[in-house]
Amino acid sequence: SDRLLSPGQGREKIESLRDSARGR
């Protein structure tokens, strides 16, 4: 929760979760 909502790097975090979802 803290790292996901910490300020900055929003695009990189979204892309990270998207890639993690692709790998289940």
mmCIF file of all heavy atoms, coordinates in Angstrom:
data_MODEL
# 
_entry.id   MODEL 
# 
loop_
_atom_site.group_PDB 
_atom_site.id 
_atom_site.type_symbol 
_atom_site.label_atom_id 
_atom_site.label_alt_id 
_atom_site.label_comp_id 
_atom_site.label_asym_id 
_atom_site.label_entity_id 
_atom_site.label_seq_id 
_atom_site.pdbx_PDB_ins_code 
_atom_site.Cartn_x 
_atom_site.Cartn_y 
_atom_site.Cartn_z 
_atom_site.occupancy 
_atom_site.B_iso_or_equiv 
_atom_site.pdbx_formal_charge 
_atom_site.auth_seq_id 
_atom_site.auth_comp_id 
_atom_site.auth_asym_id 
_atom_site.auth_atom_id 
_atom_site.pdbx_PDB_model_num 
ATOM 1   N N   . SER A 1 1  ? 0.824  -1.216  0.000   1.00 0.00 ? 1  SER A N   1 
ATOM 2   C CA  . SER A 1 1  ? 0.000  0.000   0.000   1.00 0.00 ? 1  SER A CA  1 
ATOM 3   C C   . SER A 1 1  ? 0.855  1.262   0.000   1.00 0.00 ? 1  SER A C   1 
ATOM 4   O O   . SER A 1 1  ? 0.586  2.203   -0.754  1.00 0.00 ? 1  SER A O   1 
ATOM 5   C CB  . SER A 1 1  ? -0.940 -0.009  1.208   1.00 0.00 ? 1  SER A CB  1 
ATOM 6   O OG  . SER A 1 1  ? -0.207 -0.116  2.417   1.00 0.00 ? 1  SER A OG  1 
ATOM 7   N N   . ASP A 1 2  ? 1.899  1.307   0.825   1.00 0.00 ? 2  ASP A N   1 
ATOM 8   C CA  . ASP A 1 2  ? 2.719  2.514   0.910   1.00 0.00 ? 2  ASP A CA  1 
ATOM 9   C C   . ASP A 1 2  ? 3.497  2.755   -0.381  1.00 0.00 ? 2  ASP A C   1 
ATOM 10  O O   . ASP A 1 2  ? 3.554  3.884   -0.885  1.00 0.00 ? 2  ASP A O   1 
ATOM 11  C CB  . ASP A 1 2  ? 3.707  2.423   2.075   1.00 0.00 ? 2  ASP A CB  1 
ATOM 12  C CG  . ASP A 1 2  ? 2.998  2.441   3.424   1.00 0.00 ? 2  ASP A CG  1 
ATOM 13  O OD1 . ASP A 1 2  ? 1.774  2.681   3.440   1.00 0.00 ? 2  ASP A OD1 1 
ATOM 14  O OD2 . ASP A 1 2  ? 3.665  2.198   4.443   1.00 0.00 ? 2  ASP A OD2 1 
ATOM 15  N N   . ARG A 1 3  ? 4.095  1.719   -0.907  1.00 0.00 ? 3  ARG A N   1 
ATOM 16  C CA  . ARG A 1 3  ? 4.908  1.908   -2.106  1.00 0.00 ? 3  ARG A CA  1 
ATOM 17  C C   . ARG A 1 3  ? 4.052  2.189   -3.338  1.00 0.00 ? 3  ARG A C   1 
ATOM 18  O O   . ARG A 1 3  ? 4.445  2.950   -4.211  1.00 0.00 ? 3  ARG A O   1 
ATOM 19  C CB  . ARG A 1 3  ? 5.791  0.686   -2.337  1.00 0.00 ? 3  ARG A CB  1 
ATOM 20  C CG  . ARG A 1 3  ? 6.878  0.521   -1.283  1.00 0.00 ? 3  ARG A CG  1 
ATOM 21  C CD  . ARG A 1 3  ? 7.644  1.845   -1.088  1.00 0.00 ? 3  ARG A CD  1 
ATOM 22  N NE  . ARG A 1 3  ? 8.613  1.803   -0.023  1.00 0.00 ? 3  ARG A NE  1 
ATOM 23  C CZ  . ARG A 1 3  ? 9.912  1.535   -0.207  1.00 0.00 ? 3  ARG A CZ  1 
ATOM 24  N NH1 . ARG A 1 3  ? 10.356 1.271   -1.413  1.00 0.00 ? 3  ARG A NH1 1 
ATOM 25  N NH2 . ARG A 1 3  ? 10.734 1.544   0.808   1.00 0.00 ? 3  ARG A NH2 1 
ATOM 26  N N   . LEU A 1 4  ? 2.880  1.580   -3.412  1.00 0.00 ? 4  LEU A N   1 
ATOM 27  C CA  . LEU A 1 4  ? 2.025  1.807   -4.572  1.00 0.00 ? 4  LEU A CA  1 
ATOM 28  C C   . LEU A 1 4  ? 1.539  3.245   -4.610  1.00 0.00 ? 4  LEU A C   1 
ATOM 29  O O   . LEU A 1 4  ? 1.489  3.876   -5.676  1.00 0.00 ? 4  LEU A O   1 
ATOM 30  C CB  . LEU A 1 4  ? 0.832  0.856   -4.546  1.00 0.00 ? 4  LEU A CB  1 
ATOM 31  C CG  . LEU A 1 4  ? -0.146 0.985   -5.727  1.00 0.00 ? 4  LEU A CG  1 
ATOM 32  C CD1 . LEU A 1 4  ? 0.553  0.663   -7.039  1.00 0.00 ? 4  LEU A CD1 1 
ATOM 33  C CD2 . LEU A 1 4  ? -1.341 0.067   -5.523  1.00 0.00 ? 4  LEU A CD2 1 
ATOM 34  N N   . LEU A 1 5  ? 1.174  3.803   -3.463  1.00 0.00 ? 5  LEU A N   1 
ATOM 35  C CA  . LEU A 1 5  ? 0.588  5.139   -3.433  1.00 0.00 ? 5  LEU A CA  1 
ATOM 36  C C   . LEU A 1 5  ? 1.596  6.226   -3.081  1.00 0.00 ? 5  LEU A C   1 
ATOM 37  O O   . LEU A 1 5  ? 1.213  7.389   -2.927  1.00 0.00 ? 5  LEU A O   1 
ATOM 38  C CB  . LEU A 1 5  ? -0.568 5.172   -2.429  1.00 0.00 ? 5  LEU A CB  1 
ATOM 39  C CG  . LEU A 1 5  ? -1.747 4.249   -2.754  1.00 0.00 ? 5  LEU A CG  1 
ATOM 40  C CD1 . LEU A 1 5  ? -2.835 4.395   -1.705  1.00 0.00 ? 5  LEU A CD1 1 
ATOM 41  C CD2 . LEU A 1 5  ? -2.293 4.518   -4.137  1.00 0.00 ? 5  LEU A CD2 1 
ATOM 42  N N   . SER A 1 6  ? 2.867  5.887   -2.972  1.00 0.00 ? 6  SER A N   1 
ATOM 43  C CA  . SER A 1 6  ? 3.864  6.918   -2.701  1.00 0.00 ? 6  SER A CA  1 
ATOM 44  C C   . SER A 1 6  ? 3.961  7.865   -3.890  1.00 0.00 ? 6  SER A C   1 
ATOM 45  O O   . SER A 1 6  ? 3.707  7.480   -5.032  1.00 0.00 ? 6  SER A O   1 
ATOM 46  C CB  . SER A 1 6  ? 5.231  6.272   -2.421  1.00 0.00 ? 6  SER A CB  1 
ATOM 47  O OG  . SER A 1 6  ? 5.663  5.532   -3.547  1.00 0.00 ? 6  SER A OG  1 
ATOM 48  N N   . PRO A 1 7  ? 4.305  9.134   -3.649  1.00 0.00 ? 7  PRO A N   1 
ATOM 49  C CA  . PRO A 1 7  ? 4.327  10.119  -4.749  1.00 0.00 ? 7  PRO A CA  1 
ATOM 50  C C   . PRO A 1 7  ? 5.331  9.740   -5.837  1.00 0.00 ? 7  PRO A C   1 
ATOM 51  O O   . PRO A 1 7  ? 6.382  9.162   -5.575  1.00 0.00 ? 7  PRO A O   1 
ATOM 52  C CB  . PRO A 1 7  ? 4.753  11.416  -4.036  1.00 0.00 ? 7  PRO A CB  1 
ATOM 53  C CG  . PRO A 1 7  ? 4.403  11.208  -2.603  1.00 0.00 ? 7  PRO A CG  1 
ATOM 54  C CD  . PRO A 1 7  ? 4.609  9.744   -2.347  1.00 0.00 ? 7  PRO A CD  1 
ATOM 55  N N   . GLY A 1 8  ? 4.970  10.112  -7.073  1.00 0.00 ? 8  GLY A N   1 
ATOM 56  C CA  . GLY A 1 8  ? 5.873  9.935   -8.203  1.00 0.00 ? 8  GLY A CA  1 
ATOM 57  C C   . GLY A 1 8  ? 5.841  8.550   -8.813  1.00 0.00 ? 8  GLY A C   1 
ATOM 58  O O   . GLY A 1 8  ? 5.285  7.605   -8.249  1.00 0.00 ? 8  GLY A O   1 
ATOM 59  N N   . GLN A 1 9  ? 6.418  8.446   -10.001 1.00 0.00 ? 9  GLN A N   1 
ATOM 60  C CA  . GLN A 1 9  ? 6.603  7.188   -10.731 1.00 0.00 ? 9  GLN A CA  1 
ATOM 61  C C   . GLN A 1 9  ? 5.281  6.457   -10.974 1.00 0.00 ? 9  GLN A C   1 
ATOM 62  O O   . GLN A 1 9  ? 5.235  5.227   -11.005 1.00 0.00 ? 9  GLN A O   1 
ATOM 63  C CB  . GLN A 1 9  ? 7.569  6.274   -9.962  1.00 0.00 ? 9  GLN A CB  1 
ATOM 64  C CG  . GLN A 1 9  ? 8.930  6.899   -9.734  1.00 0.00 ? 9  GLN A CG  1 
ATOM 65  C CD  . GLN A 1 9  ? 9.766  6.128   -8.734  1.00 0.00 ? 9  GLN A CD  1 
ATOM 66  O OE1 . GLN A 1 9  ? 9.328  5.869   -7.613  1.00 0.00 ? 9  GLN A OE1 1 
ATOM 67  N NE2 . GLN A 1 9  ? 10.975 5.751   -9.140  1.00 0.00 ? 9  GLN A NE2 1 
ATOM 68  N N   . GLY A 1 10 ? 4.219  7.233   -11.178 1.00 0.00 ? 10 GLY A N   1 
ATOM 69  C CA  . GLY A 1 10 ? 2.902  6.630   -11.373 1.00 0.00 ? 10 GLY A CA  1 
ATOM 70  C C   . GLY A 1 10 ? 2.841  5.731   -12.584 1.00 0.00 ? 10 GLY A C   1 
ATOM 71  O O   . GLY A 1 10 ? 2.304  4.618   -12.519 1.00 0.00 ? 10 GLY A O   1 
ATOM 72  N N   . ARG A 1 11 ? 3.394  6.198   -13.714 1.00 0.00 ? 11 ARG A N   1 
ATOM 73  C CA  . ARG A 1 11 ? 3.343  5.382   -14.926 1.00 0.00 ? 11 ARG A CA  1 
ATOM 74  C C   . ARG A 1 11 ? 4.108  4.081   -14.728 1.00 0.00 ? 11 ARG A C   1 
ATOM 75  O O   . ARG A 1 11 ? 3.644  3.008   -15.120 1.00 0.00 ? 11 ARG A O   1 
ATOM 76  C CB  . ARG A 1 11 ? 3.924  6.159   -16.107 1.00 0.00 ? 11 ARG A CB  1 
ATOM 77  C CG  . ARG A 1 11 ? 3.981  5.361   -17.420 1.00 0.00 ? 11 ARG A CG  1 
ATOM 78  C CD  . ARG A 1 11 ? 4.473  6.230   -18.562 1.00 0.00 ? 11 ARG A CD  1 
ATOM 79  N NE  . ARG A 1 11 ? 5.813  6.701   -18.330 1.00 0.00 ? 11 ARG A NE  1 
ATOM 80  C CZ  . ARG A 1 11 ? 6.920  6.046   -18.681 1.00 0.00 ? 11 ARG A CZ  1 
ATOM 81  N NH1 . ARG A 1 11 ? 6.821  4.853   -19.250 1.00 0.00 ? 11 ARG A NH1 1 
ATOM 82  N NH2 . ARG A 1 11 ? 8.122  6.556   -18.464 1.00 0.00 ? 11 ARG A NH2 1 
ATOM 83  N N   . GLU A 1 12 ? 5.289  4.156   -14.116 1.00 0.00 ? 12 GLU A N   1 
ATOM 84  C CA  . GLU A 1 12 ? 6.099  2.952   -13.924 1.00 0.00 ? 12 GLU A CA  1 
ATOM 85  C C   . GLU A 1 12 ? 5.392  1.950   -13.013 1.00 0.00 ? 12 GLU A C   1 
ATOM 86  O O   . GLU A 1 12 ? 5.453  0.732   -13.239 1.00 0.00 ? 12 GLU A O   1 
ATOM 87  C CB  . GLU A 1 12 ? 7.461  3.318   -13.341 1.00 0.00 ? 12 GLU A CB  1 
ATOM 88  C CG  . GLU A 1 12 ? 8.373  4.094   -14.282 1.00 0.00 ? 12 GLU A CG  1 
ATOM 89  C CD  . GLU A 1 12 ? 8.117  5.599   -14.239 1.00 0.00 ? 12 GLU A CD  1 
ATOM 90  O OE1 . GLU A 1 12 ? 7.096  6.005   -13.623 1.00 0.00 ? 12 GLU A OE1 1 
ATOM 91  O OE2 . GLU A 1 12 ? 8.924  6.355   -14.807 1.00 0.00 ? 12 GLU A OE2 1 
ATOM 92  N N   . LYS A 1 13 ? 4.703  2.430   -11.979 1.00 0.00 ? 13 LYS A N   1 
ATOM 93  C CA  . LYS A 1 13 ? 3.982  1.529   -11.074 1.00 0.00 ? 13 LYS A CA  1 
ATOM 94  C C   . LYS A 1 13 ? 2.813  0.857   -11.782 1.00 0.00 ? 13 LYS A C   1 
ATOM 95  O O   . LYS A 1 13 ? 2.573  -0.349  -11.609 1.00 0.00 ? 13 LYS A O   1 
ATOM 96  C CB  . LYS A 1 13 ? 3.484  2.306   -9.857  1.00 0.00 ? 13 LYS A CB  1 
ATOM 97  C CG  . LYS A 1 13 ? 4.596  2.844   -8.974  1.00 0.00 ? 13 LYS A CG  1 
ATOM 98  C CD  . LYS A 1 13 ? 4.023  3.756   -7.900  1.00 0.00 ? 13 LYS A CD  1 
ATOM 99  C CE  . LYS A 1 13 ? 5.113  4.453   -7.126  1.00 0.00 ? 13 LYS A CE  1 
ATOM 100 N NZ  . LYS A 1 13 ? 4.559  5.427   -6.152  1.00 0.00 ? 13 LYS A NZ  1 
ATOM 101 N N   . ILE A 1 14 ? 2.088  1.633   -12.580 1.00 0.00 ? 14 ILE A N   1 
ATOM 102 C CA  . ILE A 1 14 ? 0.973  1.057   -13.335 1.00 0.00 ? 14 ILE A CA  1 
ATOM 103 C C   . ILE A 1 14 ? 1.479  -0.011  -14.299 1.00 0.00 ? 14 ILE A C   1 
ATOM 104 O O   . ILE A 1 14 ? 0.898  -1.096  -14.410 1.00 0.00 ? 14 ILE A O   1 
ATOM 105 C CB  . ILE A 1 14 ? 0.219  2.170   -14.090 1.00 0.00 ? 14 ILE A CB  1 
ATOM 106 C CG1 . ILE A 1 14 ? -0.488 3.088   -13.090 1.00 0.00 ? 14 ILE A CG1 1 
ATOM 107 C CG2 . ILE A 1 14 ? -0.787 1.574   -15.073 1.00 0.00 ? 14 ILE A CG2 1 
ATOM 108 C CD1 . ILE A 1 14 ? -1.059 4.346   -13.713 1.00 0.00 ? 14 ILE A CD1 1 
ATOM 109 N N   . GLU A 1 15 ? 2.568  0.283   -14.991 1.00 0.00 ? 15 GLU A N   1 
ATOM 110 C CA  . GLU A 1 15 ? 3.133  -0.697  -15.926 1.00 0.00 ? 15 GLU A CA  1 
ATOM 111 C C   . GLU A 1 15 ? 3.633  -1.935  -15.190 1.00 0.00 ? 15 GLU A C   1 
ATOM 112 O O   . GLU A 1 15 ? 3.511  -3.064  -15.692 1.00 0.00 ? 15 GLU A O   1 
ATOM 113 C CB  . GLU A 1 15 ? 4.260  -0.051  -16.732 1.00 0.00 ? 15 GLU A CB  1 
ATOM 114 C CG  . GLU A 1 15 ? 3.776  1.003   -17.729 1.00 0.00 ? 15 GLU A CG  1 
ATOM 115 C CD  . GLU A 1 15 ? 4.916  1.685   -18.441 1.00 0.00 ? 15 GLU A CD  1 
ATOM 116 O OE1 . GLU A 1 15 ? 6.094  1.496   -18.017 1.00 0.00 ? 15 GLU A OE1 1 
ATOM 117 O OE2 . GLU A 1 15 ? 4.661  2.401   -19.429 1.00 0.00 ? 15 GLU A OE2 1 
ATOM 118 N N   . SER A 1 16 ? 4.190  -1.747  -13.994 1.00 0.00 ? 16 SER A N   1 
ATOM 119 C CA  . SER A 1 16 ? 4.672  -2.885  -13.210 1.00 0.00 ? 16 SER A CA  1 
ATOM 120 C C   . SER A 1 16 ? 3.519  -3.815  -12.852 1.00 0.00 ? 16 SER A C   1 
ATOM 121 O O   . SER A 1 16 ? 3.618  -5.047  -13.011 1.00 0.00 ? 16 SER A O   1 
ATOM 122 C CB  . SER A 1 16 ? 5.372  -2.391  -11.942 1.00 0.00 ? 16 SER A CB  1 
ATOM 123 O OG  . SER A 1 16 ? 5.676  -3.465  -11.080 1.00 0.00 ? 16 SER A OG  1 
ATOM 124 N N   . LEU A 1 17 ? 2.408  -3.248  -12.362 1.00 0.00 ? 17 LEU A N   1 
ATOM 125 C CA  . LEU A 1 17 ? 1.257  -4.081  -12.010 1.00 0.00 ? 17 LEU A CA  1 
ATOM 126 C C   . LEU A 1 17 ? 0.649  -4.738  -13.237 1.00 0.00 ? 17 LEU A C   1 
ATOM 127 O O   . LEU A 1 17 ? 0.197  -5.889  -13.185 1.00 0.00 ? 17 LEU A O   1 
ATOM 128 C CB  . LEU A 1 17 ? 0.213  -3.241  -11.281 1.00 0.00 ? 17 LEU A CB  1 
ATOM 129 C CG  . LEU A 1 17 ? 0.606  -2.767  -9.876  1.00 0.00 ? 17 LEU A CG  1 
ATOM 130 C CD1 . LEU A 1 17 ? -0.515 -1.949  -9.272  1.00 0.00 ? 17 LEU A CD1 1 
ATOM 131 C CD2 . LEU A 1 17 ? 0.942  -3.954  -8.972  1.00 0.00 ? 17 LEU A CD2 1 
ATOM 132 N N   . ARG A 1 18 ? 0.630  -4.024  -14.350 1.00 0.00 ? 18 ARG A N   1 
ATOM 133 C CA  . ARG A 1 18 ? 0.114  -4.619  -15.591 1.00 0.00 ? 18 ARG A CA  1 
ATOM 134 C C   . ARG A 1 18 ? 0.955  -5.824  -15.991 1.00 0.00 ? 18 ARG A C   1 
ATOM 135 O O   . ARG A 1 18 ? 0.411  -6.883  -16.336 1.00 0.00 ? 18 ARG A O   1 
ATOM 136 C CB  . ARG A 1 18 ? 0.125  -3.573  -16.706 1.00 0.00 ? 18 ARG A CB  1 
ATOM 137 C CG  . ARG A 1 18 ? -0.344 -4.093  -18.065 1.00 0.00 ? 18 ARG A CG  1 
ATOM 138 C CD  . ARG A 1 18 ? 0.215  -3.228  -19.182 1.00 0.00 ? 18 ARG A CD  1 
ATOM 139 N NE  . ARG A 1 18 ? 1.673  -3.265  -19.193 1.00 0.00 ? 18 ARG A NE  1 
ATOM 140 C CZ  . ARG A 1 18 ? 2.434  -2.412  -19.877 1.00 0.00 ? 18 ARG A CZ  1 
ATOM 141 N NH1 . ARG A 1 18 ? 1.886  -1.432  -20.557 1.00 0.00 ? 18 ARG A NH1 1 
ATOM 142 N NH2 . ARG A 1 18 ? 3.756  -2.522  -19.863 1.00 0.00 ? 18 ARG A NH2 1 
ATOM 143 N N   . ASP A 1 19 ? 2.280  -5.673  -15.949 1.00 0.00 ? 19 ASP A N   1 
ATOM 144 C CA  . ASP A 1 19 ? 3.157  -6.791  -16.304 1.00 0.00 ? 19 ASP A CA  1 
ATOM 145 C C   . ASP A 1 19 ? 3.016  -7.933  -15.305 1.00 0.00 ? 19 ASP A C   1 
ATOM 146 O O   . ASP A 1 19 ? 3.045  -9.112  -15.687 1.00 0.00 ? 19 ASP A O   1 
ATOM 147 C CB  . ASP A 1 19 ? 4.611  -6.326  -16.367 1.00 0.00 ? 19 ASP A CB  1 
ATOM 148 C CG  . ASP A 1 19 ? 4.861  -5.365  -17.528 1.00 0.00 ? 19 ASP A CG  1 
ATOM 149 O OD1 . ASP A 1 19 ? 4.025  -5.320  -18.458 1.00 0.00 ? 19 ASP A OD1 1 
ATOM 150 O OD2 . ASP A 1 19 ? 5.876  -4.642  -17.487 1.00 0.00 ? 19 ASP A OD2 1 
ATOM 151 N N   . SER A 1 20 ? 2.863  -7.610  -14.034 1.00 0.00 ? 20 SER A N   1 
ATOM 152 C CA  . SER A 1 20 ? 2.666  -8.659  -13.028 1.00 0.00 ? 20 SER A CA  1 
ATOM 153 C C   . SER A 1 20 ? 1.368  -9.412  -13.277 1.00 0.00 ? 20 SER A C   1 
ATOM 154 O O   . SER A 1 20 ? 1.293  -10.632 -13.092 1.00 0.00 ? 20 SER A O   1 
ATOM 155 C CB  . SER A 1 20 ? 2.667  -8.050  -11.625 1.00 0.00 ? 20 SER A CB  1 
ATOM 156 O OG  . SER A 1 20 ? 3.947  -7.551  -11.284 1.00 0.00 ? 20 SER A OG  1 
ATOM 157 N N   . ALA A 1 21 ? 0.326  -8.693  -13.692 1.00 0.00 ? 21 ALA A N   1 
ATOM 158 C CA  . ALA A 1 21 ? -0.945 -9.346  -14.002 1.00 0.00 ? 21 ALA A CA  1 
ATOM 159 C C   . ALA A 1 21 ? -0.807 -10.289 -15.185 1.00 0.00 ? 21 ALA A C   1 
ATOM 160 O O   . ALA A 1 21 ? -1.408 -11.371 -15.206 1.00 0.00 ? 21 ALA A O   1 
ATOM 161 C CB  . ALA A 1 21 ? -2.021 -8.302  -14.279 1.00 0.00 ? 21 ALA A CB  1 
ATOM 162 N N   . ARG A 1 22 ? -0.030 -9.922  -16.182 1.00 0.00 ? 22 ARG A N   1 
ATOM 163 C CA  . ARG A 1 22 ? 0.179  -10.797 -17.340 1.00 0.00 ? 22 ARG A CA  1 
ATOM 164 C C   . ARG A 1 22 ? 0.840  -12.106 -16.929 1.00 0.00 ? 22 ARG A C   1 
ATOM 165 O O   . ARG A 1 22 ? 0.570  -13.154 -17.514 1.00 0.00 ? 22 ARG A O   1 
ATOM 166 C CB  . ARG A 1 22 ? 1.038  -10.075 -18.382 1.00 0.00 ? 22 ARG A CB  1 
ATOM 167 C CG  . ARG A 1 22 ? 0.316  -8.929  -19.083 1.00 0.00 ? 22 ARG A CG  1 
ATOM 168 C CD  . ARG A 1 22 ? 1.258  -8.153  -19.978 1.00 0.00 ? 22 ARG A CD  1 
ATOM 169 N NE  . ARG A 1 22 ? 0.573  -7.115  -20.718 1.00 0.00 ? 22 ARG A NE  1 
ATOM 170 C CZ  . ARG A 1 22 ? 1.173  -6.180  -21.445 1.00 0.00 ? 22 ARG A CZ  1 
ATOM 171 N NH1 . ARG A 1 22 ? 2.504  -6.155  -21.504 1.00 0.00 ? 22 ARG A NH1 1 
ATOM 172 N NH2 . ARG A 1 22 ? 0.466  -5.272  -22.085 1.00 0.00 ? 22 ARG A NH2 1 
ATOM 173 N N   . GLY A 1 23 ? 1.720  -12.044 -15.930 1.00 0.00 ? 23 GLY A N   1 
ATOM 174 C CA  . GLY A 1 23 ? 2.365  -13.247 -15.429 1.00 0.00 ? 23 GLY A CA  1 
ATOM 175 C C   . GLY A 1 23 ? 1.599  -13.924 -14.314 1.00 0.00 ? 23 GLY A C   1 
ATOM 176 O O   . GLY A 1 23 ? 2.100  -14.857 -13.701 1.00 0.00 ? 23 GLY A O   1 
ATOM 177 N N   . ARG A 1 24 ? 0.378  -13.414 -14.012 1.00 0.00 ? 24 ARG A N   1 
ATOM 178 C CA  . ARG A 1 24 ? -0.504 -13.939 -12.968 1.00 0.00 ? 24 ARG A CA  1 
ATOM 179 C C   . ARG A 1 24 ? 0.126  -13.846 -11.577 1.00 0.00 ? 24 ARG A C   1 
ATOM 180 O O   . ARG A 1 24 ? -0.053 -14.701 -10.716 1.00 0.00 ? 24 ARG A O   1 
ATOM 181 C CB  . ARG A 1 24 ? -0.941 -15.365 -13.290 1.00 0.00 ? 24 ARG A CB  1 
ATOM 182 C CG  . ARG A 1 24 ? -1.935 -15.411 -14.465 1.00 0.00 ? 24 ARG A CG  1 
ATOM 183 C CD  . ARG A 1 24 ? -2.201 -16.831 -14.929 1.00 0.00 ? 24 ARG A CD  1 
ATOM 184 N NE  . ARG A 1 24 ? -2.794 -17.658 -13.917 1.00 0.00 ? 24 ARG A NE  1 
ATOM 185 C CZ  . ARG A 1 24 ? -4.112 -17.784 -13.683 1.00 0.00 ? 24 ARG A CZ  1 
ATOM 186 N NH1 . ARG A 1 24 ? -4.979 -17.092 -14.389 1.00 0.00 ? 24 ARG A NH1 1 
ATOM 187 N NH2 . ARG A 1 24 ? -4.559 -18.611 -12.757 1.00 0.00 ? 24 ARG A NH2 1 
# 
